[in-house]
Amino acid sequence: MLETRKLLGRRATLSLRSEYEYYSYVPEMAYNTVDIPTTPFTAGRQDGTVIGSDAAFSARTSIRLTIKLGPDSIMEPLK
């Protein structure tokens, strides 16, 4: 996870957060394609539906604006 934060005033911050994940096992469906005629372009077709496994990578980025509400007497400084 990578996060950067910018203080916009006494009560507001803006942050950018990025998360990256690698999945070593992800289910993969191979559907039946028996109705496709056999040609050089359809070589390696799947004869029957099969559930296999593969790997995957995901990335997520979000922006968050935080504004503290309430009287100044109860405010903690933003970090």
PDB file of N, CA and C in Angstrom:
ATOM      1  N   MET A   1       0.850  -1.166   0.000  1.00  0.00           N
ATOM      2  CA  MET A   1       0.000   0.000   0.000  1.00  0.00           C
ATOM      3  C   MET A   1       0.902   1.237   0.000  1.00  0.00           C
ATOM      4  N   LEU A   2       0.499   2.224  -0.760  1.00  0.00           N
ATOM      5  CA  LEU A   2       1.202   3.498  -0.845  1.00  0.00           C
ATOM      6  C   LEU A   2       0.183   4.604  -0.601  1.00  0.00           C
ATOM      7  N   GLU A   3       0.492   5.502   0.338  1.00  0.00           N
ATOM      8  CA  GLU A   3      -0.442   6.580   0.642  1.00  0.00           C
ATOM      9  C   GLU A   3       0.319   7.889   0.800  1.00  0.00           C
ATOM     10  N   THR A   4      -0.203   8.944   0.178  1.00  0.00           N
ATOM     11  CA  THR A   4       0.329  10.285   0.364  1.00  0.00           C
ATOM     12  C   THR A   4      -0.795  11.152   0.905  1.00  0.00           C
ATOM     13  N   ARG A   5      -0.445  12.100   1.760  1.00  0.00           N
ATOM     14  CA  ARG A   5      -1.457  12.934   2.408  1.00  0.00           C
ATOM     15  C   ARG A   5      -1.001  14.388   2.382  1.00  0.00           C
ATOM     16  N   LYS A   6      -1.923  15.283   2.084  1.00  0.00           N
ATOM     17  CA  LYS A   6      -1.644  16.720   2.033  1.00  0.00           C
ATOM     18  C   LYS A   6      -2.599  17.437   2.967  1.00  0.00           C
ATOM     19  N   LEU A   7      -2.065  18.252   3.853  1.00  0.00           N
ATOM     20  CA  LEU A   7      -2.867  19.053   4.767  1.00  0.00           C
ATOM     21  C   LEU A   7      -3.367  20.277   4.012  1.00  0.00           C
ATOM     22  N   LEU A   8      -4.686  20.474   3.968  1.00  0.00           N
ATOM     23  CA  LEU A   8      -5.290  21.582   3.227  1.00  0.00           C
ATOM     24  C   LEU A   8      -5.677  22.751   4.115  1.00  0.00           C
ATOM     25  N   GLY A   9      -5.585  22.601   5.388  1.00  0.00           N
ATOM     26  CA  GLY A   9      -5.967  23.637   6.347  1.00  0.00           C
ATOM     27  C   GLY A   9      -5.964  23.022   7.732  1.00  0.00           C
ATOM     28  N   ARG A  10      -6.545  23.728   8.690  1.00  0.00           N
ATOM     29  CA  ARG A  10      -6.592  23.196  10.058  1.00  0.00           C
ATOM     30  C   ARG A  10      -7.517  21.989  10.169  1.00  0.00           C
ATOM     31  N   ARG A  11      -8.506  21.888   9.307  1.00  0.00           N
ATOM     32  CA  ARG A  11      -9.518  20.844   9.439  1.00  0.00           C
ATOM     33  C   ARG A  11      -9.609  19.883   8.261  1.00  0.00           C
ATOM     34  N   ALA A  12      -8.821  20.056   7.238  1.00  0.00           N
ATOM     35  CA  ALA A  12      -9.009  19.230   6.041  1.00  0.00           C
ATOM     36  C   ALA A  12      -7.704  18.618   5.553  1.00  0.00           C
ATOM     37  N   THR A  13      -7.801  17.375   5.090  1.00  0.00           N
ATOM     38  CA  THR A  13      -6.675  16.697   4.441  1.00  0.00           C
ATOM     39  C   THR A  13      -7.177  16.037   3.160  1.00  0.00           C
ATOM     40  N   LEU A  14      -6.281  15.890   2.225  1.00  0.00           N
ATOM     41  CA  LEU A  14      -6.558  15.187   0.978  1.00  0.00           C
ATOM     42  C   LEU A  14      -5.520  14.087   0.863  1.00  0.00           C
ATOM     43  N   SER A  15      -5.962  12.853   0.647  1.00  0.00           N
ATOM     44  CA  SER A  15      -5.010  11.748   0.556  1.00  0.00           C
ATOM     45  C   SER A  15      -5.274  10.917  -0.693  1.00  0.00           C
ATOM     46  N   LEU A  16      -4.198  10.390  -1.231  1.00  0.00           N
ATOM     47  CA  LEU A  16      -4.220   9.501  -2.390  1.00  0.00           C
ATOM     48  C   LEU A  16      -3.657   8.172  -1.926  1.00  0.00           C
ATOM     49  N   ARG A  17      -4.401   7.098  -2.156  1.00  0.00           N
ATOM     50  CA  ARG A  17      -4.016   5.783  -1.659  1.00  0.00           C
ATOM     51  C   ARG A  17      -4.043   4.779  -2.800  1.00  0.00           C
ATOM     52  N   SER A  18      -2.971   4.022  -2.949  1.00  0.00           N
ATOM     53  CA  SER A  18      -2.887   2.990  -3.982  1.00  0.00           C
ATOM     54  C   SER A  18      -2.567   1.652  -3.325  1.00  0.00           C
ATOM     55  N   GLU A  19      -3.277   0.622  -3.750  1.00  0.00           N
ATOM     56  CA  GLU A  19      -3.067  -0.729  -3.230  1.00  0.00           C
ATOM     57  C   GLU A  19      -2.862  -1.681  -4.404  1.00  0.00           C
ATOM     58  N   TYR A  20      -1.929  -2.587  -4.249  1.00  0.00           N
ATOM     59  CA  TYR A  20      -1.612  -3.565  -5.288  1.00  0.00           C
ATOM     60  C   TYR A  20      -1.629  -4.955  -4.666  1.00  0.00           C
ATOM     61  N   GLU A  21      -2.232  -5.913  -5.391  1.00  0.00           N
ATOM     62  CA  GLU A  21      -2.293  -7.289  -4.888  1.00  0.00           C
ATOM     63  C   GLU A  21      -2.009  -8.270  -6.013  1.00  0.00           C
ATOM     64  N   TYR A  22      -1.325  -9.350  -5.658  1.00  0.00           N
ATOM     65  CA  TYR A  22      -1.078 -10.451  -6.579  1.00  0.00           C
ATOM     66  C   TYR A  22      -1.780 -11.679  -6.016  1.00  0.00           C
ATOM     67  N   TYR A  23      -2.583 -12.331  -6.833  1.00  0.00           N
ATOM     68  CA  TYR A  23      -3.298 -13.542  -6.430  1.00  0.00           C
ATOM     69  C   TYR A  23      -2.652 -14.728  -7.142  1.00  0.00           C
ATOM     70  N   SER A  24      -2.131 -15.663  -6.384  1.00  0.00           N
ATOM     71  CA  SER A  24      -1.461 -16.810  -6.996  1.00  0.00           C
ATOM     72  C   SER A  24      -2.449 -17.874  -7.472  1.00  0.00           C
ATOM     73  N   TYR A  25      -3.688 -17.825  -6.995  1.00  0.00           N
ATOM     74  CA  TYR A  25      -4.699 -18.787  -7.446  1.00  0.00           C
ATOM     75  C   TYR A  25      -5.995 -18.043  -7.731  1.00  0.00           C
ATOM     76  N   VAL A  26      -6.446 -18.120  -8.969  1.00  0.00           N
ATOM     77  CA  VAL A  26      -7.710 -17.526  -9.386  1.00  0.00           C
ATOM     78  C   VAL A  26      -8.434 -18.554 -10.245  1.00  0.00           C
ATOM     79  N   PRO A  27      -9.682 -18.907  -9.931  1.00  0.00           N
ATOM     80  CA  PRO A  27     -10.410 -19.868 -10.762  1.00  0.00           C
ATOM     81  C   PRO A  27     -10.568 -19.345 -12.198  1.00  0.00           C
ATOM     82  N   GLU A  28     -10.484 -20.239 -13.158  1.00  0.00           N
ATOM     83  CA  GLU A  28     -10.624 -19.876 -14.562  1.00  0.00           C
ATOM     84  C   GLU A  28     -11.547 -20.886 -15.238  1.00  0.00           C
ATOM     85  N   MET A  29     -12.578 -20.385 -15.918  1.00  0.00           N
ATOM     86  CA  MET A  29     -13.524 -21.258 -16.619  1.00  0.00           C
ATOM     87  C   MET A  29     -13.139 -21.381 -18.083  1.00  0.00           C
ATOM     88  N   ALA A  30     -13.124 -22.601 -18.597  1.00  0.00           N
ATOM     89  CA  ALA A  30     -12.941 -22.858 -20.024  1.00  0.00           C
ATOM     90  C   ALA A  30     -14.229 -23.540 -20.488  1.00  0.00           C
ATOM     91  N   TYR A  31     -15.003 -22.847 -21.312  1.00  0.00           N
ATOM     92  CA  TYR A  31     -16.312 -23.350 -21.710  1.00  0.00           C
ATOM     93  C   TYR A  31     -16.224 -24.274 -22.916  1.00  0.00           C
ATOM     94  N   ASN A  32     -17.216 -25.097 -23.050  1.00  0.00           N
ATOM     95  CA  ASN A  32     -17.308 -26.059 -24.140  1.00  0.00           C
ATOM     96  C   ASN A  32     -17.444 -25.311 -25.471  1.00  0.00           C
ATOM     97  N   THR A  33     -16.588 -25.651 -26.437  1.00  0.00           N
ATOM     98  CA  THR A  33     -16.641 -25.027 -27.763  1.00  0.00           C
ATOM     99  C   THR A  33     -16.718 -26.094 -28.852  1.00  0.00           C
ATOM    100  N   VAL A  34     -17.391 -27.174 -28.568  1.00  0.00           N
ATOM    101  CA  VAL A  34     -17.477 -28.287 -29.509  1.00  0.00           C
ATOM    102  C   VAL A  34     -18.173 -27.880 -30.804  1.00  0.00           C
ATOM    103  N   ASP A  35     -19.065 -26.894 -30.769  1.00  0.00           N
ATOM    104  CA  ASP A  35     -19.800 -26.506 -31.968  1.00  0.00           C
ATOM    105  C   ASP A  35     -18.958 -25.682 -32.948  1.00  0.00           C
ATOM    106  N   ILE A  36     -17.704 -25.354 -32.606  1.00  0.00           N
ATOM    107  CA  ILE A  36     -16.829 -24.626 -33.522  1.00  0.00           C
ATOM    108  C   ILE A  36     -16.191 -25.620 -34.485  1.00  0.00           C
ATOM    109  N   PRO A  37     -16.289 -25.398 -35.793  1.00  0.00           N
ATOM    110  CA  PRO A  37     -15.667 -26.320 -36.745  1.00  0.00           C
ATOM    111  C   PRO A  37     -14.149 -26.335 -36.565  1.00  0.00           C
ATOM    112  N   THR A  38     -13.540 -27.472 -36.790  1.00  0.00           N
ATOM    113  CA  THR A  38     -12.098 -27.610 -36.653  1.00  0.00           C
ATOM    114  C   THR A  38     -11.406 -27.027 -37.876  1.00  0.00           C
ATOM    115  N   THR A  39     -10.636 -25.977 -37.657  1.00  0.00           N
ATOM    116  CA  THR A  39      -9.826 -25.336 -38.693  1.00  0.00           C
ATOM    117  C   THR A  39      -8.472 -25.022 -38.082  1.00  0.00           C
ATOM    118  N   PRO A  40      -7.507 -24.600 -38.878  1.00  0.00           N
ATOM    119  CA  PRO A  40      -6.219 -24.213 -38.282  1.00  0.00           C
ATOM    120  C   PRO A  40      -6.357 -23.071 -37.266  1.00  0.00           C
ATOM    121  N   PHE A  41      -7.422 -22.256 -37.393  1.00  0.00           N
ATOM    122  CA  PHE A  41      -7.607 -21.125 -36.482  1.00  0.00           C
ATOM    123  C   PHE A  41      -8.256 -21.520 -35.161  1.00  0.00           C
ATOM    124  N   THR A  42      -8.885 -22.683 -35.093  1.00  0.00           N
ATOM    125  CA  THR A  42      -9.528 -23.128 -33.856  1.00  0.00           C
ATOM    126  C   THR A  42      -8.772 -24.283 -33.218  1.00  0.00           C
ATOM    127  N   ALA A  43      -7.531 -24.472 -33.584  1.00  0.00           N
ATOM    128  CA  ALA A  43      -6.728 -25.540 -32.982  1.00  0.00           C
ATOM    129  C   ALA A  43      -6.590 -25.293 -31.494  1.00  0.00           C
ATOM    130  N   GLY A  44      -6.614 -26.335 -30.695  1.00  0.00           N
ATOM    131  CA  GLY A  44      -6.504 -26.216 -29.249  1.00  0.00           C
ATOM    132  C   GLY A  44      -7.809 -25.862 -28.582  1.00  0.00           C
ATOM    133  N   ARG A  45      -8.915 -26.077 -29.261  1.00  0.00           N
ATOM    134  CA  ARG A  45     -10.211 -25.763 -28.667  1.00  0.00           C
ATOM    135  C   ARG A  45     -10.501 -26.685 -27.492  1.00  0.00           C
ATOM    136  N   GLN A  46     -11.378 -26.257 -26.622  1.00  0.00           N
ATOM    137  CA  GLN A  46     -11.723 -27.005 -25.418  1.00  0.00           C
ATOM    138  C   GLN A  46     -12.908 -27.901 -25.704  1.00  0.00           C
ATOM    139  N   ASP A  47     -12.757 -29.203 -25.541  1.00  0.00           N
ATOM    140  CA  ASP A  47     -13.864 -30.152 -25.719  1.00  0.00           C
ATOM    141  C   ASP A  47     -14.460 -30.468 -24.356  1.00  0.00           C
ATOM    142  N   GLY A  48     -15.284 -29.604 -23.859  1.00  0.00           N
ATOM    143  CA  GLY A  48     -15.921 -29.778 -22.555  1.00  0.00           C
ATOM    144  C   GLY A  48     -15.590 -28.608 -21.647  1.00  0.00           C
ATOM    145  N   THR A  49     -16.470 -28.340 -20.707  1.00  0.00           N
ATOM    146  CA  THR A  49     -16.269 -27.238 -19.775  1.00  0.00           C
ATOM    147  C   THR A  49     -15.341 -27.687 -18.657  1.00  0.00           C
ATOM    148  N   VAL A  50     -14.335 -26.857 -18.355  1.00  0.00           N
ATOM    149  CA  VAL A  50     -13.321 -27.205 -17.358  1.00  0.00           C
ATOM    150  C   VAL A  50     -13.088 -26.001 -16.446  1.00  0.00           C
ATOM    151  N   ILE A  51     -12.909 -26.265 -15.166  1.00  0.00           N
ATOM    152  CA  ILE A  51     -12.508 -25.223 -14.226  1.00  0.00           C
ATOM    153  C   ILE A  51     -11.038 -25.444 -13.914  1.00  0.00           C
ATOM    154  N   GLY A  52     -10.219 -24.446 -14.224  1.00  0.00           N
ATOM    155  CA  GLY A  52      -8.789 -24.520 -13.962  1.00  0.00           C
ATOM    156  C   GLY A  52      -8.378 -23.418 -13.009  1.00  0.00           C
ATOM    157  N   SER A  53      -7.096 -23.106 -13.012  1.00  0.00           N
ATOM    158  CA  SER A  53      -6.606 -22.018 -12.160  1.00  0.00           C
ATOM    159  C   SER A  53      -5.559 -21.212 -12.914  1.00  0.00           C
ATOM    160  N   ASP A  54      -5.412 -19.973 -12.489  1.00  0.00           N
ATOM    161  CA  ASP A  54      -4.462 -19.049 -13.098  1.00  0.00           C
ATOM    162  C   ASP A  54      -4.037 -18.066 -12.012  1.00  0.00           C
ATOM    163  N   ALA A  55      -3.236 -17.068 -12.355  1.00  0.00           N
ATOM    164  CA  ALA A  55      -2.811 -16.027 -11.426  1.00  0.00           C
ATOM    165  C   ALA A  55      -3.388 -14.692 -11.902  1.00  0.00           C
ATOM    166  N   ALA A  56      -3.461 -13.699 -10.996  1.00  0.00           N
ATOM    167  CA  ALA A  56      -4.012 -12.394 -11.357  1.00  0.00           C
ATOM    168  C   ALA A  56      -3.329 -11.307 -10.534  1.00  0.00           C
ATOM    169  N   PHE A  57      -3.414 -10.087 -11.037  1.00  0.00           N
ATOM    170  CA  PHE A  57      -2.854  -8.911 -10.378  1.00  0.00           C
ATOM    171  C   PHE A  57      -3.940  -7.841 -10.358  1.00  0.00           C
ATOM    172  N   SER A  58      -4.090  -7.147  -9.238  1.00  0.00           N
ATOM    173  CA  SER A  58      -5.088  -6.075  -9.168  1.00  0.00           C
ATOM    174  C   SER A  58      -4.446  -4.809  -8.607  1.00  0.00           C
ATOM    175  N   ALA A  59      -4.968  -3.674  -9.036  1.00  0.00           N
ATOM    176  CA  ALA A  59      -4.511  -2.372  -8.551  1.00  0.00           C
ATOM    177  C   ALA A  59      -5.742  -1.523  -8.264  1.00  0.00           C
ATOM    178  N   ARG A  60      -5.701  -0.777  -7.163  1.00  0.00           N
ATOM    179  CA  ARG A  60      -6.822   0.069  -6.769  1.00  0.00           C
ATOM    180  C   ARG A  60      -6.257   1.402  -6.276  1.00  0.00           C
ATOM    181  N   THR A  61      -6.826   2.496  -6.743  1.00  0.00           N
ATOM    182  CA  THR A  61      -6.404   3.828  -6.318  1.00  0.00           C
ATOM    183  C   THR A  61      -7.633   4.613  -5.881  1.00  0.00           C
ATOM    184  N   SER A  62      -7.524   5.309  -4.761  1.00  0.00           N
ATOM    185  CA  SER A  62      -8.653   6.100  -4.271  1.00  0.00           C
ATOM    186  C   SER A  62      -8.155   7.448  -3.747  1.00  0.00           C
ATOM    187  N   ILE A  63      -9.036   8.425  -3.795  1.00  0.00           N
ATOM    188  CA  ILE A  63      -8.772   9.755  -3.256  1.00  0.00           C
ATOM    189  C   ILE A  63      -9.755   9.982  -2.106  1.00  0.00           C
ATOM    190  N   ARG A  64      -9.235  10.487  -0.975  1.00  0.00           N
ATOM    191  CA  ARG A  64     -10.103  10.722   0.179  1.00  0.00           C
ATOM    192  C   ARG A  64      -9.914  12.147   0.680  1.00  0.00           C
ATOM    193  N   LEU A  65     -11.009  12.846   0.867  1.00  0.00           N
ATOM    194  CA  LEU A  65     -11.012  14.184   1.457  1.00  0.00           C
ATOM    195  C   LEU A  65     -11.600  14.063   2.856  1.00  0.00           C
ATOM    196  N   THR A  66     -10.843  14.469   3.869  1.00  0.00           N
ATOM    197  CA  THR A  66     -11.287  14.401   5.257  1.00  0.00           C
ATOM    198  C   THR A  66     -11.469  15.822   5.780  1.00  0.00           C
ATOM    199  N   ILE A  67     -12.661  16.120   6.290  1.00  0.00           N
ATOM    200  CA  ILE A  67     -12.952  17.423   6.876  1.00  0.00           C
ATOM    201  C   ILE A  67     -13.469  17.196   8.287  1.00  0.00           C
ATOM    202  N   LYS A  68     -12.769  17.709   9.276  1.00  0.00           N
ATOM    203  CA  LYS A  68     -13.203  17.561  10.667  1.00  0.00           C
ATOM    204  C   LYS A  68     -14.252  18.614  10.981  1.00  0.00           C
ATOM    205  N   LEU A  69     -15.336  18.177  11.631  1.00  0.00           N
ATOM    206  CA  LEU A  69     -16.440  19.070  12.009  1.00  0.00           C
ATOM    207  C   LEU A  69     -16.473  19.225  13.517  1.00  0.00           C
ATOM    208  N   GLY A  70     -16.984  20.360  13.995  1.00  0.00           N
ATOM    209  CA  GLY A  70     -17.123  20.590  15.427  1.00  0.00           C
ATOM    210  C   GLY A  70     -16.396  21.849  15.848  1.00  0.00           C
ATOM    211  N   PRO A  71     -16.566  22.228  17.125  1.00  0.00           N
ATOM    212  CA  PRO A  71     -15.914  23.447  17.620  1.00  0.00           C
ATOM    213  C   PRO A  71     -14.396  23.287  17.727  1.00  0.00           C
ATOM    214  N   ASP A  72     -13.688  24.412  17.651  1.00  0.00           N
ATOM    215  CA  ASP A  72     -12.226  24.397  17.733  1.00  0.00           C
ATOM    216  C   ASP A  72     -11.716  23.828  19.061  1.00  0.00           C
ATOM    217  N   SER A  73     -12.497  23.946  20.126  1.00  0.00           N
ATOM    218  CA  SER A  73     -12.038  23.501  21.443  1.00  0.00           C
ATOM    219  C   SER A  73     -11.831  21.985  21.525  1.00  0.00           C
ATOM    220  N   ILE A  74     -12.489  21.209  20.684  1.00  0.00           N
ATOM    221  CA  ILE A  74     -12.332  19.748  20.728  1.00  0.00           C
ATOM    222  C   ILE A  74     -11.497  19.202  19.579  1.00  0.00           C
ATOM    223  N   MET A  75     -10.954  20.088  18.751  1.00  0.00           N
ATOM    224  CA  MET A  75     -10.197  19.650  17.581  1.00  0.00           C
ATOM    225  C   MET A  75      -8.800  19.165  17.963  1.00  0.00           C
ATOM    226  N   GLU A  76      -8.427  18.019  17.425  1.00  0.00           N
ATOM    227  CA  GLU A  76      -7.046  17.559  17.496  1.00  0.00           C
ATOM    228  C   GLU A  76      -6.372  17.981  16.204  1.00  0.00           C
ATOM    229  N   PRO A  77      -5.090  18.267  16.235  1.00  0.00           N
ATOM    230  CA  PRO A  77      -4.428  18.635  15.001  1.00  0.00           C
ATOM    231  C   PRO A  77      -4.436  17.459  14.017  1.00  0.00           C
ATOM    232  N   LEU A  78      -4.656  17.740  12.756  1.00  0.00           N
ATOM    233  CA  LEU A  78      -4.589  16.697  11.726  1.00  0.00           C
ATOM    234  C   LEU A  78      -3.143  16.323  11.477  1.00  0.00           C
ATOM    235  N   LYS A  79      -2.894  15.057  11.213  1.00  0.00           N
ATOM    236  CA  LYS A  79      -1.527  14.589  10.951  1.00  0.00           C
ATOM    237  C   LYS A  79      -1.368  14.278   9.490  1.00  0.00           C
TER     238      LYS A  79
END
